Amino acid sequence: MPTKRKTLTGAFGQPVGNDLNTLTAGPRGPALMQDVHLLEKLAHFDRERIPERVVHAKGAGAYGFFEVTADVTRYTKAAFLSKVGKKTDVFVRFSTVGGEKGSADAERDPRGFAIKFYTEEGNYDMTGNNTPVFFIRDPLKFPDFIHTQKRDPATNLKSPTMAWDFWSLTPESMHQVTILFSDRGTPATYRHMNGYSSHTFKWYNAEGDYFWVQYHFKTDQGIKNLTGPEAAEMCGKDPDHATRDLHKAIEAGDFPSWTLEMQILSPEQARDFKWDIFDITKVWPHGAVPPIKVGRLVLDRNPENYFAEVEQAAFNPSSLVPGIGVSPDKMLQGRLFSYHDTHLHRLGPNYHLIPVNQPRHAPENSYQRDGAMRVDDNGGGGPNYWPNSFHGPEPDNVSIEPDIPLEGEGARRPYTFDNDDFVQPGNLYRHVMSEQDRTSLVNNILGSMKDVPKPIQLRQCALFHLADVDYGARVAQGLGLDLDEVRKLSAMSQEERVAATPVK
């Protein structure tokens, strides 16, 4: 008889009723501030590593500019996007996601692609990745997912078993897993990869009309990836190859650039769209929403001091400017809290005063005071409260976003919008990948899964089978699994599948 599991609790012993679904207003969000379990879980997770970043620890950065190349004023009133030819200073940081600060640049891992725009209305931060999707769509799962990418608490070794156990229990990860284990999971350099917002954001114009948008920064250098064997060789030969490449290219005057393409949907178009536009595990097919070119990103200056400018750079998706807002995407809602919270822990309450993080063209005028490392005049003798009668800064109602409709009862609900996590990765496998791409994908998966317990292998191969029969069969055959058993598991519900594959 299996041992009865203990009841999951919060930090102070209260039982937790649901640890997979964030408390939201209605089935599609947004998240509610009263979800104290989510806040406790994220706040603790943000403080688990001292002092390096919990995620995106290894990175490289550079300065440059963003130039508008198309008129987008019908979509947004953001000042830095207000006219063709306008240029805005930027700082960009590239990174690996799961590895420690000393890890190799060629590890199989998503790549961070974060941009800080120094606009005249304050800093605007976009915290993107080199993939258009992500592994999970609910922030309550995020600390657990990242734990599987770190080290086993018993052995202190990286553990494919932890990773594949989590993915096999989380079918929504299938799309990102397929991308990660293709050769796109090991970009040749930071210059030869795209950057995506992944999340859906809101743009709104001066008339109060709003639109749902996604950002795609397409590399002008062309996509280049490393094969699995090439990446393994590079990890040993030059663990810092991408960091070195970026610095040397800029130093030589070979300035890397990206073309910004936007996908844009009106609220009416979004209402009838086939896919959930707030689900970060899905893409908006280009045939349904053709991207439009709107700008150009160029990096032309290296930092002078890595620690001061790259290590202390802090990107925060809640750092927005008028004309740009957030969506009910649950993962984005969690990040609005978590990024700022982790910066407060890692860099202190006044991290916005570090030069690389300071707004350059819109000085801070707030009532925040004191705290460790307050190095400006701390507001001088002015009032530190609002409202006041002493001419302190006042709110400007032109910065208020247009309303969006929300409805629903506050509850923890499983995802039910379309409930198909396999169509898009299957289409990627069948219609986008070449035969060589598919062979590399399968070989990369086999190399990672070969020592994973058989029940987890079976469970995961059933998910591959649901995405594409050939996909599942090739991985199963490579692992020496019974194809009939894989097919049988694929016909079950996820709950039945998990019950049928216990790990001893």
Protein backbone atom coordinates (compact mmCIF):
# COMPACT_ATOMS: atom_id res chain seq x y z
CA MET A 1 0.00 0.00 0.00
CA PRO A 2 1.36 3.44 -0.91
CA THR A 3 2.00 5.82 1.99
CA LYS A 4 -0.69 8.49 2.35
CA ARG A 5 0.65 11.84 1.30
CA LYS A 6 0.90 14.77 3.70
CA THR A 7 -1.43 17.73 3.13
CA LEU A 8 0.22 20.64 1.31
CA THR A 9 0.24 23.79 3.43
CA GLY A 10 1.35 27.39 3.27
CA ALA A 11 4.29 28.77 5.24
CA PHE A 12 2.25 28.96 8.45
CA GLY A 13 0.56 25.56 8.20
CA GLN A 14 -2.71 26.47 6.52
CA PRO A 15 -3.85 23.70 4.12
CA VAL A 16 -3.68 24.53 0.41
CA GLY A 17 -6.71 23.43 -1.59
CA ASN A 18 -5.36 24.03 -5.10
CA ASP A 19 -1.73 24.47 -6.16
CA LEU A 20 -2.17 24.54 -9.95
CA ASN A 21 -4.63 27.35 -10.70
CA THR A 22 -4.33 31.02 -9.81
CA LEU A 23 -7.34 32.80 -8.34
CA THR A 24 -8.83 34.85 -11.19
CA ALA A 25 -11.85 36.94 -12.13
CA GLY A 26 -13.58 34.52 -14.46
CA PRO A 27 -12.01 31.61 -16.31
CA ARG A 28 -9.59 33.81 -18.31
CA GLY A 29 -8.38 36.23 -15.67
CA PRO A 30 -6.90 38.57 -14.66
CA ALA A 31 -5.35 37.37 -11.41
CA LEU A 32 -6.72 38.65 -8.11
CA MET A 33 -4.50 40.37 -5.56
CA GLN A 34 -6.28 38.41 -2.84
CA ASP A 35 -4.61 35.18 -3.98
CA VAL A 36 -2.35 35.11 -0.92
CA HIS A 37 -1.08 31.62 -1.77
CA LEU A 38 0.25 32.84 -5.14
CA LEU A 39 1.88 35.89 -3.53
CA GLU A 40 3.47 33.81 -0.76
CA LYS A 41 4.75 31.23 -3.26
CA LEU A 42 6.21 33.79 -5.66
CA ALA A 43 7.69 35.98 -2.92
CA HIS A 44 9.52 33.02 -1.38
CA PHE A 45 10.67 31.81 -4.80
CA ASP A 46 12.07 35.28 -5.62
CA ARG A 47 14.34 35.06 -2.57
CA GLU A 48 15.71 31.55 -3.04
CA ARG A 49 19.04 32.58 -4.58
CA ILE A 50 21.50 35.03 -3.06
CA PRO A 51 22.74 37.13 -4.74
CA GLU A 52 22.52 35.97 -8.38
CA ARG A 53 19.29 36.09 -10.31
CA VAL A 54 16.95 33.17 -9.67
CA VAL A 55 16.51 32.86 -13.44
CA HIS A 56 18.46 34.53 -16.28
CA ALA A 57 21.61 34.52 -14.12
CA LYS A 58 24.11 34.23 -17.01
CA GLY A 59 23.86 37.07 -19.51
CA ALA A 60 25.38 39.72 -21.74
CA GLY A 61 24.19 43.21 -22.59
CA ALA A 62 24.69 46.21 -24.85
CA TYR A 63 23.34 49.69 -25.54
CA GLY A 64 21.77 50.93 -28.74
CA PHE A 65 18.64 52.51 -30.13
CA PHE A 66 15.18 51.71 -31.41
CA GLU A 67 13.92 53.53 -34.52
CA VAL A 68 10.29 53.73 -35.64
CA THR A 69 9.85 52.80 -39.32
CA ALA A 70 6.03 52.79 -39.68
CA ASP A 71 3.16 54.91 -38.39
CA VAL A 72 1.45 53.09 -35.50
CA THR A 73 -0.35 56.07 -33.92
CA ARG A 74 -3.74 54.52 -34.76
CA TYR A 75 -2.82 51.73 -32.33
CA THR A 76 -0.86 53.44 -29.53
CA LYS A 77 -0.22 56.88 -28.07
CA ALA A 78 3.18 55.87 -26.66
CA ALA A 79 5.41 58.90 -27.27
CA PHE A 80 8.46 56.87 -28.32
CA LEU A 81 6.35 55.33 -31.11
CA SER A 82 4.74 58.63 -32.17
CA LYS A 83 6.41 59.26 -35.54
CA VAL A 84 8.43 57.55 -38.24
CA GLY A 85 12.16 58.09 -37.78
CA LYS A 86 12.00 58.69 -34.05
CA LYS A 87 14.87 57.07 -32.13
CA THR A 88 14.90 55.96 -28.48
CA ASP A 89 17.94 54.84 -26.46
CA VAL A 90 17.82 51.23 -25.26
CA PHE A 91 19.73 48.75 -23.15
CA VAL A 92 19.31 45.07 -24.05
CA ARG A 93 20.27 42.03 -21.98
CA PHE A 94 20.46 38.51 -23.40
CA SER A 95 20.64 35.50 -21.09
CA THR A 96 20.18 31.82 -20.56
CA VAL A 97 17.20 31.08 -18.33
CA GLY A 98 17.86 28.08 -16.09
CA GLY A 99 21.65 27.98 -15.74
CA GLU A 100 23.76 29.51 -13.02
CA LYS A 101 26.00 32.53 -13.57
CA GLY A 102 28.94 30.31 -14.51
CA SER A 103 27.02 28.02 -16.88
CA ALA A 104 27.86 27.68 -20.57
CA ASP A 105 26.25 29.92 -23.18
CA ALA A 106 25.58 26.89 -25.41
CA GLU A 107 23.42 25.00 -22.90
CA ARG A 108 20.01 23.81 -24.13
CA ASP A 109 17.85 26.50 -22.60
CA PRO A 110 15.52 29.31 -23.65
CA ARG A 111 17.27 32.65 -24.08
CA GLY A 112 16.13 35.85 -22.42
CA PHE A 113 15.71 38.90 -24.67
CA ALA A 114 14.99 41.89 -22.41
CA ILE A 115 14.84 45.50 -23.62
CA LYS A 116 14.82 48.72 -21.59
CA PHE A 117 13.53 51.69 -23.62
CA TYR A 118 14.62 55.03 -22.11
CA THR A 119 11.59 57.04 -23.29
CA GLU A 120 10.56 60.61 -22.55
CA GLU A 121 7.61 59.25 -20.56
CA GLY A 122 9.79 57.01 -18.37
CA ASN A 123 11.35 53.61 -18.87
CA TYR A 124 9.48 50.91 -20.73
CA ASP A 125 10.74 47.35 -20.18
CA MET A 126 9.95 44.36 -22.36
CA THR A 127 11.03 41.06 -20.81
CA GLY A 128 10.96 38.61 -23.70
CA ASN A 129 12.50 35.32 -24.78
CA ASN A 130 13.84 33.86 -28.01
CA THR A 131 10.75 31.66 -28.29
CA PRO A 132 7.17 32.83 -28.91
CA VAL A 133 5.68 30.47 -26.29
CA PHE A 134 6.45 29.22 -22.78
CA PHE A 135 6.19 25.95 -20.81
CA ILE A 136 3.27 26.86 -18.53
CA ARG A 137 0.34 29.29 -18.51
CA ASP A 138 -0.27 29.74 -14.78
CA PRO A 139 2.23 31.51 -12.48
CA LEU A 140 1.40 29.20 -9.57
CA LYS A 141 3.40 26.52 -11.42
CA PHE A 142 6.41 28.76 -12.13
CA PRO A 143 8.51 28.14 -8.98
CA ASP A 144 7.98 24.40 -9.38
CA PHE A 145 8.96 24.47 -13.05
CA ILE A 146 12.16 26.41 -12.37
CA HIS A 147 13.06 24.02 -9.55
CA THR A 148 13.09 21.22 -12.15
CA GLN A 149 15.61 23.20 -14.21
CA LYS A 150 17.93 23.71 -11.25
CA ARG A 151 19.70 21.06 -9.16
CA ASP A 152 18.38 17.96 -7.42
CA PRO A 153 18.13 18.79 -3.69
CA ALA A 154 19.71 15.43 -2.76
CA THR A 155 22.56 15.12 -5.29
CA ASN A 156 23.06 18.78 -6.26
CA LEU A 157 23.18 17.58 -9.88
CA LYS A 158 21.07 18.61 -12.87
CA SER A 159 18.28 16.07 -13.22
CA PRO A 160 16.58 15.19 -16.52
CA THR A 161 14.22 13.04 -14.46
CA MET A 162 12.89 16.08 -12.59
CA ALA A 163 12.43 18.01 -15.84
CA TRP A 164 10.70 15.22 -17.78
CA ASP A 165 8.57 14.25 -14.78
CA PHE A 166 7.21 17.79 -14.60
CA TRP A 167 6.72 18.10 -18.37
CA SER A 168 4.99 14.72 -18.60
CA LEU A 169 2.61 15.86 -15.85
CA THR A 170 2.06 19.23 -17.56
CA PRO A 171 0.77 18.70 -21.12
CA GLU A 172 0.63 22.44 -21.81
CA SER A 173 4.46 22.34 -21.97
CA MET A 174 4.44 20.32 -25.21
CA HIS A 175 4.80 23.28 -27.58
CA GLN A 176 7.78 24.82 -25.78
CA VAL A 177 9.41 21.43 -25.17
CA THR A 178 9.27 20.75 -28.92
CA ILE A 179 10.96 24.07 -29.63
CA LEU A 180 13.52 23.67 -26.85
CA PHE A 181 14.70 20.25 -28.04
CA SER A 182 14.90 21.33 -31.65
CA ASP A 183 18.14 23.03 -32.64
CA ARG A 184 16.41 26.33 -31.84
CA GLY A 185 17.10 25.35 -28.23
CA THR A 186 20.80 26.16 -28.78
CA PRO A 187 21.16 29.44 -30.73
CA ALA A 188 24.58 29.91 -32.33
CA THR A 189 24.93 33.42 -30.85
CA TYR A 190 22.74 36.10 -29.30
CA ARG A 191 22.94 37.99 -32.60
CA HIS A 192 21.48 35.10 -34.59
CA MET A 193 18.19 34.58 -32.75
CA ASN A 194 14.81 36.31 -32.61
CA GLY A 195 13.19 37.91 -29.58
CA TYR A 196 9.50 37.70 -28.69
CA SER A 197 7.24 39.30 -26.12
CA SER A 198 5.57 35.85 -25.86
CA HIS A 199 2.85 37.52 -23.78
CA THR A 200 -0.01 39.50 -25.25
CA PHE A 201 0.04 43.20 -24.36
CA LYS A 202 -2.45 46.01 -24.79
CA TRP A 203 -1.82 49.04 -26.96
CA TYR A 204 -4.22 51.99 -26.73
CA ASN A 205 -4.43 55.21 -28.71
CA ALA A 206 -5.23 58.84 -27.91
CA GLU A 207 -8.93 58.26 -28.65
CA GLY A 208 -9.17 55.48 -26.05
CA ASP A 209 -9.37 52.59 -28.50
CA TYR A 210 -7.33 49.54 -27.51
CA PHE A 211 -5.77 46.57 -29.31
CA TRP A 212 -4.12 43.29 -28.31
CA VAL A 213 -0.55 42.95 -29.60
CA GLN A 214 2.48 40.67 -29.64
CA TYR A 215 6.07 41.72 -30.38
CA HIS A 216 8.44 39.83 -32.70
CA PHE A 217 12.04 41.08 -32.99
CA LYS A 218 13.38 39.30 -36.09
CA THR A 219 17.17 39.10 -36.36
CA ASP A 220 18.62 40.84 -39.42
CA GLN A 221 21.67 38.58 -39.18
CA GLY A 222 19.59 35.49 -39.96
CA ILE A 223 18.77 32.54 -37.69
CA LYS A 224 21.71 30.30 -36.84
CA ASN A 225 21.60 27.40 -34.41
CA LEU A 226 24.00 24.79 -33.07
CA THR A 227 23.25 21.11 -33.43
CA GLY A 228 23.30 19.02 -30.26
CA PRO A 229 26.88 17.78 -30.86
CA GLU A 230 28.07 21.27 -31.83
CA ALA A 231 26.55 22.75 -28.67
CA ALA A 232 28.15 20.05 -26.48
CA GLU A 233 31.53 20.76 -28.07
CA MET A 234 31.09 24.53 -27.62
CA CYS A 235 30.24 24.11 -23.92
CA GLY A 236 33.67 22.58 -23.39
CA LYS A 237 35.62 24.70 -25.85
CA ASP A 238 34.27 28.16 -24.99
CA PRO A 239 31.56 28.38 -22.29
CA ASP A 240 31.29 32.14 -22.91
CA HIS A 241 31.12 32.03 -26.70
CA ALA A 242 27.88 34.04 -27.10
CA THR A 243 28.98 36.70 -24.61
CA ARG A 244 32.33 36.98 -26.44
CA ASP A 245 30.66 37.10 -29.86
CA LEU A 246 28.33 39.97 -28.95
CA HIS A 247 31.09 42.09 -27.43
CA LYS A 248 33.54 41.50 -30.27
CA ALA A 249 30.97 42.22 -32.99
CA ILE A 250 30.02 45.58 -31.49
CA GLU A 251 33.66 46.43 -30.78
CA ALA A 252 34.45 45.78 -34.47
CA GLY A 253 31.57 47.99 -35.66
CA ASP A 254 29.47 45.05 -36.85
CA PHE A 255 26.37 46.29 -35.06
CA PRO A 256 23.63 43.64 -34.70
CA SER A 257 20.07 44.66 -35.52
CA TRP A 258 16.53 43.30 -35.39
CA THR A 259 13.34 44.27 -37.24
CA LEU A 260 10.30 44.66 -34.98
CA GLU A 261 7.16 43.07 -36.35
CA MET A 262 3.85 43.36 -34.50
CA GLN A 263 0.80 41.12 -34.55
CA ILE A 264 -2.29 43.23 -33.76
CA LEU A 265 -5.89 42.24 -33.05
CA SER A 266 -8.86 44.46 -32.29
CA PRO A 267 -11.04 43.41 -29.35
CA GLU A 268 -13.67 42.26 -31.86
CA GLN A 269 -11.18 40.12 -33.77
CA ALA A 270 -9.83 38.68 -30.52
CA ARG A 271 -13.31 37.73 -29.36
CA ASP A 272 -13.81 35.35 -32.29
CA PHE A 273 -10.19 34.16 -32.59
CA LYS A 274 -9.63 30.41 -32.73
CA TRP A 275 -6.91 30.39 -30.07
CA ASP A 276 -6.87 31.92 -26.60
CA ILE A 277 -4.80 35.07 -27.16
CA PHE A 278 -3.91 35.21 -23.45
CA ASP A 279 -2.44 31.68 -23.38
CA ILE A 280 1.36 31.96 -23.54
CA THR A 281 1.69 28.32 -24.66
CA LYS A 282 0.04 29.22 -27.99
CA VAL A 283 1.10 31.32 -30.98
CA TRP A 284 -1.08 33.48 -33.19
CA PRO A 285 -0.67 31.82 -36.61
CA HIS A 286 0.80 34.32 -39.08
CA GLY A 287 -1.73 33.31 -41.71
CA ALA A 288 -4.51 34.49 -39.39
CA VAL A 289 -2.70 37.58 -38.02
CA PRO A 290 -0.04 38.77 -40.49
CA PRO A 291 2.77 40.67 -38.70
CA ILE A 292 3.47 44.26 -39.73
CA LYS A 293 6.92 45.87 -39.62
CA VAL A 294 7.04 48.86 -37.28
CA GLY A 295 10.64 49.46 -36.19
CA ARG A 296 14.30 48.57 -35.98
CA LEU A 297 16.50 47.74 -32.98
CA VAL A 298 20.27 48.34 -33.26
CA LEU A 299 23.00 47.63 -30.67
CA ASP A 300 26.07 49.83 -31.14
CA ARG A 301 27.82 50.28 -27.75
CA ASN A 302 29.30 47.86 -25.25
CA PRO A 303 29.03 48.44 -21.48
CA GLU A 304 32.09 49.86 -19.75
CA ASN A 305 31.65 47.80 -16.59
CA TYR A 306 29.85 44.45 -16.59
CA PHE A 307 28.73 44.48 -12.96
CA ALA A 308 27.51 48.07 -12.93
CA GLU A 309 25.60 47.88 -16.20
CA VAL A 310 24.74 44.25 -17.00
CA GLU A 311 24.64 42.48 -13.63
CA GLN A 312 22.71 45.32 -11.98
CA ALA A 313 20.35 45.91 -14.92
CA ALA A 314 16.81 45.12 -13.76
CA PHE A 315 13.96 44.63 -16.20
CA ASN A 316 10.40 44.82 -14.98
CA PRO A 317 7.31 44.04 -17.11
CA SER A 318 5.25 46.36 -14.91
CA SER A 319 7.43 49.29 -16.05
CA LEU A 320 5.05 50.64 -18.70
CA VAL A 321 4.40 53.96 -20.44
CA PRO A 322 1.11 55.59 -21.52
CA GLY A 323 -0.16 53.82 -24.62
CA ILE A 324 1.00 50.37 -23.51
CA GLY A 325 -0.74 48.16 -20.96
CA VAL A 326 -0.97 44.55 -19.87
CA SER A 327 -3.40 41.76 -20.69
CA PRO A 328 -5.19 39.18 -18.50
CA ASP A 329 -2.50 36.60 -19.41
CA LYS A 330 -2.05 34.82 -16.06
CA MET A 331 1.70 34.32 -16.48
CA LEU A 332 2.14 38.02 -17.26
CA GLN A 333 0.00 38.91 -14.24
CA GLY A 334 2.33 36.87 -12.03
CA ARG A 335 5.42 38.47 -13.54
CA LEU A 336 4.08 41.96 -12.85
CA PHE A 337 4.56 41.13 -9.17
CA SER A 338 7.49 38.76 -9.26
CA TYR A 339 10.07 40.69 -11.30
CA HIS A 340 9.84 43.86 -9.25
CA ASP A 341 9.74 41.84 -6.04
CA THR A 342 12.89 39.91 -6.88
CA HIS A 343 14.72 43.15 -7.80
CA LEU A 344 13.81 44.55 -4.38
CA HIS A 345 15.36 41.46 -2.82
CA ARG A 346 18.44 41.27 -5.03
CA LEU A 347 19.31 44.95 -5.48
CA GLY A 348 17.33 46.76 -2.78
CA PRO A 349 14.33 49.12 -2.62
CA ASN A 350 16.15 51.85 -4.56
CA TYR A 351 17.37 49.75 -7.50
CA HIS A 352 15.77 52.32 -9.80
CA LEU A 353 18.56 54.75 -8.83
CA ILE A 354 21.31 52.52 -10.26
CA PRO A 355 22.40 54.38 -13.42
CA VAL A 356 21.55 51.62 -15.90
CA ASN A 357 18.02 51.47 -14.46
CA GLN A 358 17.40 55.20 -14.09
CA PRO A 359 14.94 56.91 -16.41
CA ARG A 360 17.06 59.18 -18.61
CA HIS A 361 14.44 61.53 -20.03
CA ALA A 362 11.71 61.55 -17.37
CA PRO A 363 13.10 62.14 -13.85
CA GLU A 364 11.37 60.36 -10.98
CA ASN A 365 8.77 62.50 -9.20
CA SER A 366 7.25 60.27 -6.55
CA TYR A 367 6.48 60.09 -2.86
CA GLN A 368 8.64 57.01 -2.25
CA ARG A 369 11.28 57.84 0.34
CA ASP A 370 14.18 56.39 2.33
CA GLY A 371 15.33 52.77 2.19
CA ALA A 372 18.78 51.23 1.81
CA MET A 373 21.14 52.85 -0.71
CA ARG A 374 19.07 55.99 -1.25
CA VAL A 375 21.74 58.01 -3.05
CA ASP A 376 19.84 60.98 -4.51
CA ASP A 377 18.40 63.93 -2.53
CA ASN A 378 15.56 61.68 -1.26
CA GLY A 379 12.91 64.18 -2.30
CA GLY A 380 14.59 67.04 -0.49
CA GLY A 381 12.28 69.01 1.78
CA GLY A 382 9.18 68.39 -0.29
CA PRO A 383 6.13 66.53 0.98
CA ASN A 384 6.25 62.73 1.12
CA TYR A 385 2.49 62.16 0.90
CA TRP A 386 -0.44 62.69 -1.46
CA PRO A 387 -2.75 64.53 -1.49
CA ASN A 388 -0.91 67.61 -0.22
CA SER A 389 -1.23 71.40 -0.32
CA PHE A 390 2.45 72.12 -1.00
CA HIS A 391 2.75 71.81 -4.78
CA GLY A 392 3.98 68.23 -4.84
CA PRO A 393 3.64 66.22 -8.05
CA GLU A 394 0.06 65.26 -8.90
CA PRO A 395 -1.49 62.48 -10.99
CA ASP A 396 -2.23 63.16 -14.66
CA ASN A 397 -5.47 61.58 -15.82
CA VAL A 398 -4.33 61.48 -19.46
CA SER A 399 -2.24 58.47 -18.42
CA ILE A 400 -5.29 56.40 -17.44
CA GLU A 401 -5.83 53.32 -19.60
CA PRO A 402 -9.12 52.63 -21.36
CA ASP A 403 -11.37 50.16 -19.57
CA ILE A 404 -11.58 46.51 -20.58
CA PRO A 405 -14.58 44.33 -19.68
CA LEU A 406 -14.06 41.77 -16.91
CA GLU A 407 -16.54 39.39 -15.36
CA GLY A 408 -16.72 36.16 -13.41
CA GLU A 409 -16.59 34.75 -9.92
CA GLY A 410 -13.28 34.63 -8.07
CA ALA A 411 -12.14 30.98 -7.97
CA ARG A 412 -9.27 28.63 -8.83
CA ARG A 413 -10.19 27.06 -12.14
CA PRO A 414 -8.38 24.65 -14.43
CA TYR A 415 -7.78 25.88 -17.96
CA THR A 416 -10.74 25.07 -20.24
CA PHE A 417 -10.66 27.57 -23.13
CA ASP A 418 -9.73 25.18 -25.96
CA ASN A 419 -8.07 22.38 -23.98
CA ASP A 420 -5.88 21.28 -26.91
CA ASP A 421 -2.20 21.51 -26.14
CA PHE A 422 -1.13 19.29 -29.05
CA VAL A 423 -2.36 20.86 -32.32
CA GLN A 424 0.23 23.65 -32.50
CA PRO A 425 3.29 21.52 -31.59
CA GLY A 426 2.01 18.89 -34.01
CA ASN A 427 1.75 21.47 -36.78
CA LEU A 428 5.25 22.67 -35.92
CA TYR A 429 6.58 19.12 -36.23
CA ARG A 430 4.70 18.27 -39.47
CA HIS A 431 4.62 21.51 -41.43
CA VAL A 432 7.44 23.78 -40.22
CA MET A 433 10.31 21.40 -39.44
CA SER A 434 12.35 19.78 -42.19
CA GLU A 435 13.21 16.09 -41.99
CA GLN A 436 16.64 17.05 -40.68
CA ASP A 437 14.97 19.26 -38.04
CA ARG A 438 12.79 16.35 -36.94
CA THR A 439 15.78 14.03 -36.76
CA SER A 440 17.71 16.53 -34.62
CA LEU A 441 14.68 17.02 -32.37
CA VAL A 442 14.28 13.29 -31.74
CA ASN A 443 18.00 12.75 -31.18
CA ASN A 444 18.17 15.65 -28.72
CA ILE A 445 15.19 14.27 -26.78
CA LEU A 446 16.66 10.76 -26.71
CA GLY A 447 19.95 12.08 -25.34
CA SER A 448 18.10 13.81 -22.52
CA MET A 449 15.55 11.06 -21.71
CA LYS A 450 17.74 7.95 -21.95
CA ASP A 451 18.23 7.59 -18.18
CA VAL A 452 14.77 8.81 -17.12
CA PRO A 453 12.59 6.16 -15.39
CA LYS A 454 10.49 4.16 -17.84
CA PRO A 455 7.05 5.25 -16.50
CA ILE A 456 7.98 8.89 -17.17
CA GLN A 457 9.30 7.96 -20.63
CA LEU A 458 6.00 6.23 -21.45
CA ARG A 459 3.92 9.12 -20.14
CA GLN A 460 5.89 11.68 -22.13
CA CYS A 461 5.88 9.60 -25.33
CA ALA A 462 2.09 9.43 -25.10
CA LEU A 463 2.08 13.25 -25.19
CA PHE A 464 4.43 13.24 -28.19
CA HIS A 465 2.03 10.77 -29.86
CA LEU A 466 -0.90 13.13 -29.26
CA ALA A 467 1.01 15.92 -31.00
CA ASP A 468 2.01 13.70 -33.93
CA VAL A 469 1.95 9.92 -34.35
CA ASP A 470 5.36 9.88 -36.07
CA TYR A 471 6.82 12.14 -33.37
CA GLY A 472 5.71 9.77 -30.60
CA ALA A 473 6.74 6.63 -32.46
CA ARG A 474 10.28 7.83 -33.22
CA VAL A 475 10.98 8.82 -29.63
CA ALA A 476 9.40 5.62 -28.27
CA GLN A 477 11.39 3.42 -30.64
CA GLY A 478 14.59 5.26 -29.76
CA LEU A 479 13.94 4.56 -26.09
CA GLY A 480 13.01 0.92 -26.73
CA LEU A 481 9.41 1.34 -25.57
CA ASP A 482 6.40 -0.71 -26.61
CA LEU A 483 4.47 1.30 -29.22
CA ASP A 484 1.18 -0.40 -28.32
CA GLU A 485 1.63 0.70 -24.72
CA VAL A 486 2.33 4.27 -25.84
CA ARG A 487 -0.77 4.29 -28.06
CA LYS A 488 -2.88 2.90 -25.23
CA LEU A 489 -1.69 5.62 -22.86
CA SER A 490 -2.33 8.34 -25.45
CA ALA A 491 -6.01 7.31 -25.59
CA MET A 492 -6.43 7.92 -21.85
CA SER A 493 -7.22 11.15 -20.05
CA GLN A 494 -4.24 12.84 -18.40
CA GLU A 495 -5.46 11.72 -14.98
CA GLU A 496 -5.75 8.10 -16.17
CA ARG A 497 -2.37 8.31 -17.85
CA VAL A 498 -0.67 9.46 -14.66
CA ALA A 499 -2.40 6.76 -12.60
CA ALA A 500 -1.26 4.12 -15.09
CA THR A 501 2.42 5.15 -14.92
CA PRO A 502 3.41 5.27 -11.24
CA VAL A 503 7.08 5.88 -10.55
CA LYS A 504 8.43 3.54 -7.88
